[in-house]
Amino acid sequence: MRSRTITIPVDPQTARAYGAAGDEAKRKIQVLLSLWLRELSVGEPESLKKVMEEAGREAQARGLTPEKLDSLLKGA
């Protein structure tokens, strides 16, 4: 599948955290966002909570731990 780039406004702290993240962390964030947006556009709209729970399960399956997520969110 070919990738396309989109632009999404975020607050400065989030932008810094993403910019400081390593390549693997950025890839995981991109996968999570892609899954969430795809879920919103296909079939019946699901609740945000359900989509976020599914994204969380996918992230855990791919190795994202609560500690890694906390570190990403803090910009470490």
PDB file of N, CA and C in Angstrom:
ATOM      1  N   MET A   1       0.841  -1.177   0.000  1.00  0.00           N
ATOM      2  CA  MET A   1       0.000   0.000   0.000  1.00  0.00           C
ATOM      3  C   MET A   1       0.889   1.244   0.000  1.00  0.00           C
ATOM      4  N   ARG A   2       0.547   2.161  -0.852  1.00  0.00           N
ATOM      5  CA  ARG A   2       1.283   3.416  -0.960  1.00  0.00           C
ATOM      6  C   ARG A   2       0.895   4.358   0.173  1.00  0.00           C
ATOM      7  N   SER A   3       1.861   5.055   0.713  1.00  0.00           N
ATOM      8  CA  SER A   3       1.590   6.013   1.792  1.00  0.00           C
ATOM      9  C   SER A   3       1.357   7.394   1.218  1.00  0.00           C
ATOM     10  N   ARG A   4       0.517   8.155   1.904  1.00  0.00           N
ATOM     11  CA  ARG A   4       0.307   9.564   1.597  1.00  0.00           C
ATOM     12  C   ARG A   4       0.494  10.330   2.884  1.00  0.00           C
ATOM     13  N   THR A   5       0.930  11.548   2.759  1.00  0.00           N
ATOM     14  CA  THR A   5       1.170  12.402   3.918  1.00  0.00           C
ATOM     15  C   THR A   5      -0.007  13.346   4.107  1.00  0.00           C
ATOM     16  N   ILE A   6      -0.434  13.483   5.373  1.00  0.00           N
ATOM     17  CA  ILE A   6      -1.479  14.437   5.723  1.00  0.00           C
ATOM     18  C   ILE A   6      -0.920  15.354   6.808  1.00  0.00           C
ATOM     19  N   THR A   7      -1.555  16.495   6.998  1.00  0.00           N
ATOM     20  CA  THR A   7      -1.137  17.438   8.027  1.00  0.00           C
ATOM     21  C   THR A   7      -2.257  17.578   9.043  1.00  0.00           C
ATOM     22  N   ILE A   8      -1.901  17.423  10.319  1.00  0.00           N
ATOM     23  CA  ILE A   8      -2.882  17.525  11.394  1.00  0.00           C
ATOM     24  C   ILE A   8      -2.353  18.507  12.432  1.00  0.00           C
ATOM     25  N   PRO A   9      -3.098  19.574  12.707  1.00  0.00           N
ATOM     26  CA  PRO A   9      -2.646  20.521  13.730  1.00  0.00           C
ATOM     27  C   PRO A   9      -2.666  19.878  15.120  1.00  0.00           C
ATOM     28  N   VAL A  10      -1.598  20.084  15.882  1.00  0.00           N
ATOM     29  CA  VAL A  10      -1.511  19.613  17.268  1.00  0.00           C
ATOM     30  C   VAL A  10      -0.901  20.725  18.109  1.00  0.00           C
ATOM     31  N   ASP A  11      -0.990  20.587  19.409  1.00  0.00           N
ATOM     32  CA  ASP A  11      -0.412  21.594  20.285  1.00  0.00           C
ATOM     33  C   ASP A  11       1.118  21.486  20.244  1.00  0.00           C
ATOM     34  N   PRO A  12       1.828  22.549  20.631  1.00  0.00           N
ATOM     35  CA  PRO A  12       3.298  22.559  20.555  1.00  0.00           C
ATOM     36  C   PRO A  12       3.978  21.419  21.324  1.00  0.00           C
ATOM     37  N   GLN A  13       3.460  21.071  22.482  1.00  0.00           N
ATOM     38  CA  GLN A  13       4.070  20.005  23.283  1.00  0.00           C
ATOM     39  C   GLN A  13       3.976  18.663  22.556  1.00  0.00           C
ATOM     40  N   THR A  14       2.840  18.395  21.934  1.00  0.00           N
ATOM     41  CA  THR A  14       2.672  17.162  21.174  1.00  0.00           C
ATOM     42  C   THR A  14       3.610  17.145  19.976  1.00  0.00           C
ATOM     43  N   ALA A  15       3.730  18.272  19.296  1.00  0.00           N
ATOM     44  CA  ALA A  15       4.631  18.359  18.139  1.00  0.00           C
ATOM     45  C   ALA A  15       6.080  18.104  18.561  1.00  0.00           C
ATOM     46  N   ARG A  16       6.488  18.656  19.703  1.00  0.00           N
ATOM     47  CA  ARG A  16       7.857  18.434  20.191  1.00  0.00           C
ATOM     48  C   ARG A  16       8.072  16.966  20.542  1.00  0.00           C
ATOM     49  N   ALA A  17       7.080  16.374  21.206  1.00  0.00           N
ATOM     50  CA  ALA A  17       7.207  14.966  21.596  1.00  0.00           C
ATOM     51  C   ALA A  17       7.331  14.076  20.371  1.00  0.00           C
ATOM     52  N   TYR A  18       6.534  14.345  19.363  1.00  0.00           N
ATOM     53  CA  TYR A  18       6.606  13.544  18.139  1.00  0.00           C
ATOM     54  C   TYR A  18       7.950  13.768  17.440  1.00  0.00           C
ATOM     55  N   GLY A  19       8.387  15.009  17.368  1.00  0.00           N
ATOM     56  CA  GLY A  19       9.658  15.324  16.728  1.00  0.00           C
ATOM     57  C   GLY A  19      10.844  14.677  17.426  1.00  0.00           C
ATOM     58  N   ALA A  20      10.749  14.524  18.737  1.00  0.00           N
ATOM     59  CA  ALA A  20      11.841  13.943  19.511  1.00  0.00           C
ATOM     60  C   ALA A  20      11.798  12.415  19.549  1.00  0.00           C
ATOM     61  N   ALA A  21      10.688  11.833  19.118  1.00  0.00           N
ATOM     62  CA  ALA A  21      10.538  10.379  19.167  1.00  0.00           C
ATOM     63  C   ALA A  21      11.454   9.713  18.148  1.00  0.00           C
ATOM     64  N   GLY A  22      11.849   8.506  18.454  1.00  0.00           N
ATOM     65  CA  GLY A  22      12.671   7.730  17.536  1.00  0.00           C
ATOM     66  C   GLY A  22      11.840   7.205  16.366  1.00  0.00           C
ATOM     67  N   ASP A  23      12.516   6.664  15.385  1.00  0.00           N
ATOM     68  CA  ASP A  23      11.837   6.166  14.184  1.00  0.00           C
ATOM     69  C   ASP A  23      10.804   5.094  14.501  1.00  0.00           C
ATOM     70  N   GLU A  24      11.140   4.163  15.397  1.00  0.00           N
ATOM     71  CA  GLU A  24      10.211   3.079  15.740  1.00  0.00           C
ATOM     72  C   GLU A  24       8.969   3.636  16.435  1.00  0.00           C
ATOM     73  N   ALA A  25       9.157   4.571  17.340  1.00  0.00           N
ATOM     74  CA  ALA A  25       8.019   5.181  18.040  1.00  0.00           C
ATOM     75  C   ALA A  25       7.143   5.946  17.056  1.00  0.00           C
ATOM     76  N   LYS A  26       7.758   6.678  16.134  1.00  0.00           N
ATOM     77  CA  LYS A  26       6.980   7.404  15.130  1.00  0.00           C
ATOM     78  C   LYS A  26       6.178   6.445  14.268  1.00  0.00           C
ATOM     79  N   ARG A  27       6.777   5.322  13.908  1.00  0.00           N
ATOM     80  CA  ARG A  27       6.064   4.333  13.093  1.00  0.00           C
ATOM     81  C   ARG A  27       4.840   3.805  13.850  1.00  0.00           C
ATOM     82  N   LYS A  28       4.999   3.547  15.137  1.00  0.00           N
ATOM     83  CA  LYS A  28       3.884   3.048  15.945  1.00  0.00           C
ATOM     84  C   LYS A  28       2.771   4.093  16.048  1.00  0.00           C
ATOM     85  N   ILE A  29       3.148   5.338  16.237  1.00  0.00           N
ATOM     86  CA  ILE A  29       2.163   6.415  16.308  1.00  0.00           C
ATOM     87  C   ILE A  29       1.411   6.524  14.983  1.00  0.00           C
ATOM     88  N   GLN A  30       2.144   6.435  13.876  1.00  0.00           N
ATOM     89  CA  GLN A  30       1.530   6.508  12.552  1.00  0.00           C
ATOM     90  C   GLN A  30       0.560   5.359  12.325  1.00  0.00           C
ATOM     91  N   VAL A  31       0.932   4.163  12.770  1.00  0.00           N
ATOM     92  CA  VAL A  31       0.048   3.001  12.621  1.00  0.00           C
ATOM     93  C   VAL A  31      -1.222   3.197  13.438  1.00  0.00           C
ATOM     94  N   LEU A  32      -1.070   3.655  14.671  1.00  0.00           N
ATOM     95  CA  LEU A  32      -2.245   3.880  15.524  1.00  0.00           C
ATOM     96  C   LEU A  32      -3.199   4.904  14.914  1.00  0.00           C
ATOM     97  N   LEU A  33      -2.641   6.008  14.445  1.00  0.00           N
ATOM     98  CA  LEU A  33      -3.470   7.050  13.849  1.00  0.00           C
ATOM     99  C   LEU A  33      -4.132   6.551  12.573  1.00  0.00           C
ATOM    100  N   SER A  34      -3.394   5.820  11.770  1.00  0.00           N
ATOM    101  CA  SER A  34      -3.943   5.270  10.536  1.00  0.00           C
ATOM    102  C   SER A  34      -5.109   4.333  10.817  1.00  0.00           C
ATOM    103  N   LEU A  35      -4.934   3.451  11.805  1.00  0.00           N
ATOM    104  CA  LEU A  35      -6.007   2.523  12.173  1.00  0.00           C
ATOM    105  C   LEU A  35      -7.244   3.284  12.650  1.00  0.00           C
ATOM    106  N   TRP A  36      -7.023   4.289  13.472  1.00  0.00           N
ATOM    107  CA  TRP A  36      -8.140   5.061  14.014  1.00  0.00           C
ATOM    108  C   TRP A  36      -8.896   5.775  12.901  1.00  0.00           C
ATOM    109  N   LEU A  37      -8.178   6.425  12.012  1.00  0.00           N
ATOM    110  CA  LEU A  37      -8.838   7.144  10.917  1.00  0.00           C
ATOM    111  C   LEU A  37      -9.554   6.195   9.970  1.00  0.00           C
ATOM    112  N   ARG A  38      -8.952   5.043   9.705  1.00  0.00           N
ATOM    113  CA  ARG A  38      -9.584   4.049   8.835  1.00  0.00           C
ATOM    114  C   ARG A  38     -10.889   3.557   9.458  1.00  0.00           C
ATOM    115  N   GLU A  39     -10.862   3.292  10.761  1.00  0.00           N
ATOM    116  CA  GLU A  39     -12.072   2.827  11.454  1.00  0.00           C
ATOM    117  C   GLU A  39     -13.186   3.868  11.373  1.00  0.00           C
ATOM    118  N   LEU A  40     -12.815   5.126  11.452  1.00  0.00           N
ATOM    119  CA  LEU A  40     -13.821   6.185  11.388  1.00  0.00           C
ATOM    120  C   LEU A  40     -14.465   6.286  10.007  1.00  0.00           C
ATOM    121  N   SER A  41     -13.746   5.879   8.971  1.00  0.00           N
ATOM    122  CA  SER A  41     -14.243   6.061   7.607  1.00  0.00           C
ATOM    123  C   SER A  41     -14.929   4.837   7.014  1.00  0.00           C
ATOM    124  N   VAL A  42     -14.866   3.695   7.686  1.00  0.00           N
ATOM    125  CA  VAL A  42     -15.415   2.457   7.137  1.00  0.00           C
ATOM    126  C   VAL A  42     -16.646   2.027   7.937  1.00  0.00           C
ATOM    127  N   GLY A  43     -17.711   1.699   7.234  1.00  0.00           N
ATOM    128  CA  GLY A  43     -18.890   1.150   7.890  1.00  0.00           C
ATOM    129  C   GLY A  43     -19.547   2.113   8.849  1.00  0.00           C
ATOM    130  N   GLU A  44     -20.200   1.525   9.837  1.00  0.00           N
ATOM    131  CA  GLU A  44     -20.891   2.327  10.836  1.00  0.00           C
ATOM    132  C   GLU A  44     -19.881   3.002  11.751  1.00  0.00           C
ATOM    133  N   PRO A  45     -20.111   4.253  12.045  1.00  0.00           N
ATOM    134  CA  PRO A  45     -19.192   4.922  12.962  1.00  0.00           C
ATOM    135  C   PRO A  45     -19.207   4.243  14.334  1.00  0.00           C
ATOM    136  N   GLU A  46     -18.041   4.033  14.886  1.00  0.00           N
ATOM    137  CA  GLU A  46     -17.939   3.446  16.213  1.00  0.00           C
ATOM    138  C   GLU A  46     -17.682   4.557  17.225  1.00  0.00           C
ATOM    139  N   SER A  47     -17.933   4.236  18.450  1.00  0.00           N
ATOM    140  CA  SER A  47     -17.663   5.230  19.473  1.00  0.00           C
ATOM    141  C   SER A  47     -16.157   5.450  19.569  1.00  0.00           C
ATOM    142  N   LEU A  48     -15.776   6.639  19.948  1.00  0.00           N
ATOM    143  CA  LEU A  48     -14.357   6.952  20.098  1.00  0.00           C
ATOM    144  C   LEU A  48     -13.711   6.001  21.094  1.00  0.00           C
ATOM    145  N   LYS A  49     -14.414   5.673  22.151  1.00  0.00           N
ATOM    146  CA  LYS A  49     -13.864   4.769  23.157  1.00  0.00           C
ATOM    147  C   LYS A  49     -13.540   3.406  22.549  1.00  0.00           C
ATOM    148  N   LYS A  50     -14.430   2.878  21.745  1.00  0.00           N
ATOM    149  CA  LYS A  50     -14.213   1.570  21.125  1.00  0.00           C
ATOM    150  C   LYS A  50     -13.026   1.617  20.161  1.00  0.00           C
ATOM    151  N   VAL A  51     -12.933   2.679  19.374  1.00  0.00           N
ATOM    152  CA  VAL A  51     -11.816   2.828  18.441  1.00  0.00           C
ATOM    153  C   VAL A  51     -10.505   2.926  19.208  1.00  0.00           C
ATOM    154  N   MET A  52     -10.478   3.709  20.282  1.00  0.00           N
ATOM    155  CA  MET A  52      -9.259   3.871  21.069  1.00  0.00           C
ATOM    156  C   MET A  52      -8.864   2.557  21.750  1.00  0.00           C
ATOM    157  N   GLU A  53      -9.844   1.790  22.200  1.00  0.00           N
ATOM    158  CA  GLU A  53      -9.539   0.494  22.808  1.00  0.00           C
ATOM    159  C   GLU A  53      -8.897  -0.438  21.782  1.00  0.00           C
ATOM    160  N   GLU A  54      -9.431  -0.463  20.578  1.00  0.00           N
ATOM    161  CA  GLU A  54      -8.861  -1.297  19.513  1.00  0.00           C
ATOM    162  C   GLU A  54      -7.453  -0.822  19.165  1.00  0.00           C
ATOM    163  N   ALA A  55      -7.261   0.479  19.059  1.00  0.00           N
ATOM    164  CA  ALA A  55      -5.934   1.019  18.767  1.00  0.00           C
ATOM    165  C   ALA A  55      -4.954   0.641  19.877  1.00  0.00           C
ATOM    166  N   GLY A  56      -5.412   0.674  21.107  1.00  0.00           N
ATOM    167  CA  GLY A  56      -4.575   0.283  22.237  1.00  0.00           C
ATOM    168  C   GLY A  56      -4.169  -1.179  22.169  1.00  0.00           C
ATOM    169  N   ARG A  57      -5.121  -2.047  21.820  1.00  0.00           N
ATOM    170  CA  ARG A  57      -4.807  -3.474  21.670  1.00  0.00           C
ATOM    171  C   ARG A  57      -3.775  -3.696  20.561  1.00  0.00           C
ATOM    172  N   GLU A  58      -3.960  -2.991  19.455  1.00  0.00           N
ATOM    173  CA  GLU A  58      -3.006  -3.101  18.343  1.00  0.00           C
ATOM    174  C   GLU A  58      -1.624  -2.619  18.768  1.00  0.00           C
ATOM    175  N   ALA A  59      -1.588  -1.515  19.492  1.00  0.00           N
ATOM    176  CA  ALA A  59      -0.305  -0.965  19.946  1.00  0.00           C
ATOM    177  C   ALA A  59       0.401  -1.937  20.884  1.00  0.00           C
ATOM    178  N   GLN A  60      -0.341  -2.529  21.802  1.00  0.00           N
ATOM    179  CA  GLN A  60       0.250  -3.499  22.717  1.00  0.00           C
ATOM    180  C   GLN A  60       0.754  -4.717  21.965  1.00  0.00           C
ATOM    181  N   ALA A  61      -0.001  -5.170  20.993  1.00  0.00           N
ATOM    182  CA  ALA A  61       0.411  -6.324  20.194  1.00  0.00           C
ATOM    183  C   ALA A  61       1.705  -6.030  19.436  1.00  0.00           C
ATOM    184  N   ARG A  62       1.935  -4.762  19.133  1.00  0.00           N
ATOM    185  CA  ARG A  62       3.140  -4.362  18.401  1.00  0.00           C
ATOM    186  C   ARG A  62       4.268  -3.897  19.321  1.00  0.00           C
ATOM    187  N   GLY A  63       4.071  -4.058  20.632  1.00  0.00           N
ATOM    188  CA  GLY A  63       5.157  -3.789  21.573  1.00  0.00           C
ATOM    189  C   GLY A  63       5.112  -2.477  22.321  1.00  0.00           C
ATOM    190  N   LEU A  64       4.059  -1.682  22.162  1.00  0.00           N
ATOM    191  CA  LEU A  64       3.978  -0.421  22.900  1.00  0.00           C
ATOM    192  C   LEU A  64       3.499  -0.718  24.324  1.00  0.00           C
ATOM    193  N   THR A  65       4.314  -0.368  25.291  1.00  0.00           N
ATOM    194  CA  THR A  65       3.966  -0.579  26.696  1.00  0.00           C
ATOM    195  C   THR A  65       3.497   0.742  27.303  1.00  0.00           C
ATOM    196  N   PRO A  66       2.819   0.681  28.449  1.00  0.00           N
ATOM    197  CA  PRO A  66       2.418   1.930  29.116  1.00  0.00           C
ATOM    198  C   PRO A  66       3.624   2.827  29.415  1.00  0.00           C
ATOM    199  N   GLU A  67       4.766   2.214  29.758  1.00  0.00           N
ATOM    200  CA  GLU A  67       5.967   2.992  30.051  1.00  0.00           C
ATOM    201  C   GLU A  67       6.482   3.700  28.798  1.00  0.00           C
ATOM    202  N   LYS A  68       6.478   2.996  27.666  1.00  0.00           N
ATOM    203  CA  LYS A  68       6.929   3.600  26.408  1.00  0.00           C
ATOM    204  C   LYS A  68       5.986   4.728  25.999  1.00  0.00           C
ATOM    205  N   LEU A  69       4.689   4.518  26.155  1.00  0.00           N
ATOM    206  CA  LEU A  69       3.714   5.544  25.810  1.00  0.00           C
ATOM    207  C   LEU A  69       3.912   6.773  26.695  1.00  0.00           C
ATOM    208  N   ASP A  70       4.094   6.550  27.992  1.00  0.00           N
ATOM    209  CA  ASP A  70       4.323   7.667  28.914  1.00  0.00           C
ATOM    210  C   ASP A  70       5.570   8.444  28.510  1.00  0.00           C
ATOM    211  N   SER A  71       6.615   7.718  28.159  1.00  0.00           N
ATOM    212  CA  SER A  71       7.860   8.360  27.738  1.00  0.00           C
ATOM    213  C   SER A  71       7.640   9.184  26.465  1.00  0.00           C
ATOM    214  N   LEU A  72       6.881   8.637  25.514  1.00  0.00           N
ATOM    215  CA  LEU A  72       6.582   9.364  24.288  1.00  0.00           C
ATOM    216  C   LEU A  72       5.790  10.634  24.575  1.00  0.00           C
ATOM    217  N   LEU A  73       4.803  10.507  25.431  1.00  0.00           N
ATOM    218  CA  LEU A  73       3.956  11.655  25.739  1.00  0.00           C
ATOM    219  C   LEU A  73       4.709  12.742  26.487  1.00  0.00           C
ATOM    220  N   LYS A  74       5.731  12.339  27.243  1.00  0.00           N
ATOM    221  CA  LYS A  74       6.538  13.316  27.980  1.00  0.00           C
ATOM    222  C   LYS A  74       7.668  13.861  27.126  1.00  0.00           C
ATOM    223  N   GLY A  75       7.819  13.335  25.915  1.00  0.00           N
ATOM    224  CA  GLY A  75       8.830  13.852  25.005  1.00  0.00           C
ATOM    225  C   GLY A  75      10.227  13.345  25.277  1.00  0.00           C
ATOM    226  N   ALA A  76      10.349  12.227  25.974  1.00  0.00           N
ATOM    227  CA  ALA A  76      11.694  11.675  26.287  1.00  0.00           C
ATOM    228  C   ALA A  76      12.266  10.955  25.091  1.00  0.00           C
TER     229      ALA A  76
END
